[in-house]
Protein backbone atom coordinates (compact mmCIF):
# COMPACT_ATOMS: atom_id res chain seq x y z
CA UNK A 1 92.14 107.74 80.71
CA UNK A 2 94.92 110.03 79.57
CA UNK A 3 97.85 110.90 81.82
CA UNK A 4 98.32 114.66 82.12
CA UNK A 5 101.52 116.46 81.17
CA UNK A 6 101.80 117.76 84.73
CA UNK A 7 101.62 114.18 86.03
CA UNK A 8 104.38 113.08 83.71
CA UNK A 9 106.52 116.12 84.58
CA UNK A 10 106.11 115.36 88.29
CA UNK A 11 107.17 111.74 87.81
CA UNK A 12 110.18 112.68 85.66
CA UNK A 13 111.34 115.40 88.07
CA UNK A 14 111.00 113.07 91.06
CA UNK A 15 112.84 110.30 89.20
CA UNK A 16 115.72 112.64 88.38
CA UNK A 17 115.92 113.65 92.05
CA UNK A 18 115.92 109.99 93.11
CA UNK A 19 118.63 109.10 90.60
CA UNK A 20 120.79 112.04 91.66
CA UNK A 21 120.55 111.14 95.34
CA UNK A 22 121.32 107.47 94.66
CA UNK A 23 124.35 108.43 92.55
CA UNK A 24 125.68 110.79 95.23
CA UNK A 25 125.17 108.10 97.88
CA UNK A 26 127.03 105.50 95.81
CA UNK A 27 129.91 107.94 95.27
CA UNK A 28 130.13 108.48 99.03
CA UNK A 29 129.22 112.15 98.73
CA UNK A 30 125.93 111.71 100.59
CA UNK A 31 125.46 109.27 103.48
CA UNK A 32 123.06 106.42 102.71
CA UNK A 33 121.98 105.97 106.32
CA UNK A 34 119.84 108.69 107.90
CA UNK A 35 118.87 108.85 111.57
CA UNK A 36 115.22 108.85 112.51
CA UNK A 37 115.46 112.47 113.63
CA UNK A 38 117.12 113.53 110.35
CA UNK A 39 114.44 111.69 108.37
CA UNK A 40 111.69 113.43 110.35
CA UNK A 41 113.29 116.81 109.66
CA UNK A 42 113.72 116.09 105.93
CA UNK A 43 110.33 114.51 105.26
CA UNK A 44 108.17 115.20 108.40
CA UNK A 45 107.34 112.95 111.30
CA UNK A 46 103.85 112.28 109.91
CA UNK A 47 105.21 110.98 106.59
CA UNK A 48 107.84 108.77 108.24
CA UNK A 49 105.12 107.20 110.39
CA UNK A 50 102.82 106.77 107.38
CA UNK A 51 105.53 105.26 105.16
CA UNK A 52 106.57 102.81 107.89
CA UNK A 53 102.96 101.70 108.41
CA UNK A 54 102.58 101.15 104.64
CA UNK A 55 105.83 99.18 104.53
CA UNK A 56 107.45 101.65 102.12
CA UNK A 57 110.49 102.14 104.41
CA UNK A 58 112.20 99.99 107.00
CA UNK A 59 113.79 101.13 110.25
CA UNK A 60 117.19 99.56 110.85
CA UNK A 61 118.58 99.34 114.39
CA UNK A 62 121.73 101.26 115.24
CA UNK A 63 124.84 99.12 115.45
CA UNK A 64 126.16 101.33 118.24
CA UNK A 65 124.89 99.94 121.55
CA UNK A 66 125.71 103.24 123.27
CA UNK A 67 123.22 105.07 121.05
CA UNK A 68 119.96 103.23 120.71
CA UNK A 69 118.13 104.38 117.67
CA UNK A 70 116.75 103.68 114.26
CA UNK A 71 118.28 104.49 110.92
CA UNK A 72 116.67 104.63 107.50
CA UNK A 73 118.20 104.17 104.07
CA UNK A 74 118.10 107.41 102.11
CA UNK A 75 117.27 105.46 98.92
CA UNK A 76 114.16 103.99 100.58
CA UNK A 77 113.10 107.43 101.84
CA UNK A 78 113.47 108.95 98.39
CA UNK A 79 111.61 106.06 96.77
CA UNK A 80 108.77 106.53 99.26
CA UNK A 81 108.76 110.24 98.47
CA UNK A 82 108.52 109.44 94.74
CA UNK A 83 105.67 107.03 95.40
CA UNK A 84 103.89 109.75 97.37
CA UNK A 85 104.40 112.23 94.50
CA UNK A 86 102.93 109.71 92.08
CA UNK A 87 99.94 109.09 94.34
CA UNK A 88 99.32 112.82 94.65
CA UNK A 89 99.62 113.62 90.95
CA UNK A 90 98.07 110.53 89.35
CA UNK A 91 94.89 108.61 89.95
CA UNK A 92 95.29 104.92 90.94
CA UNK A 93 94.07 103.71 87.53
CA UNK A 94 96.70 105.93 85.84
CA UNK A 95 99.44 104.37 87.99
CA UNK A 96 98.24 100.90 86.96
CA UNK A 97 98.25 102.06 83.33
CA UNK A 98 101.88 103.19 83.67
CA UNK A 99 102.89 99.90 85.30
CA UNK A 100 101.12 97.79 82.66
CA UNK A 101 102.42 99.79 79.69
CA UNK A 102 105.79 100.86 81.12
């Protein structure tokens, strides 16, 4: 089955976004750690819950004992977002085709 141009464009655009965010994080221009509340605002509470249940992201405990909470790595959140974009724009057999031929 052929992969559509729109599917490829979606993957490329999401990959560029992911690379940009990772670069900014590594340069210290964008914090890598995101609070649970920030993540829920950026991506939605439903998606954060879904991604955690699928094992796409991991919640890390706060190192500050005064503020109990969970943090997420921005790189994991963006990777989960890219995976979601791929799942929405490509059929599962197309994803396998990309993995096997990529």
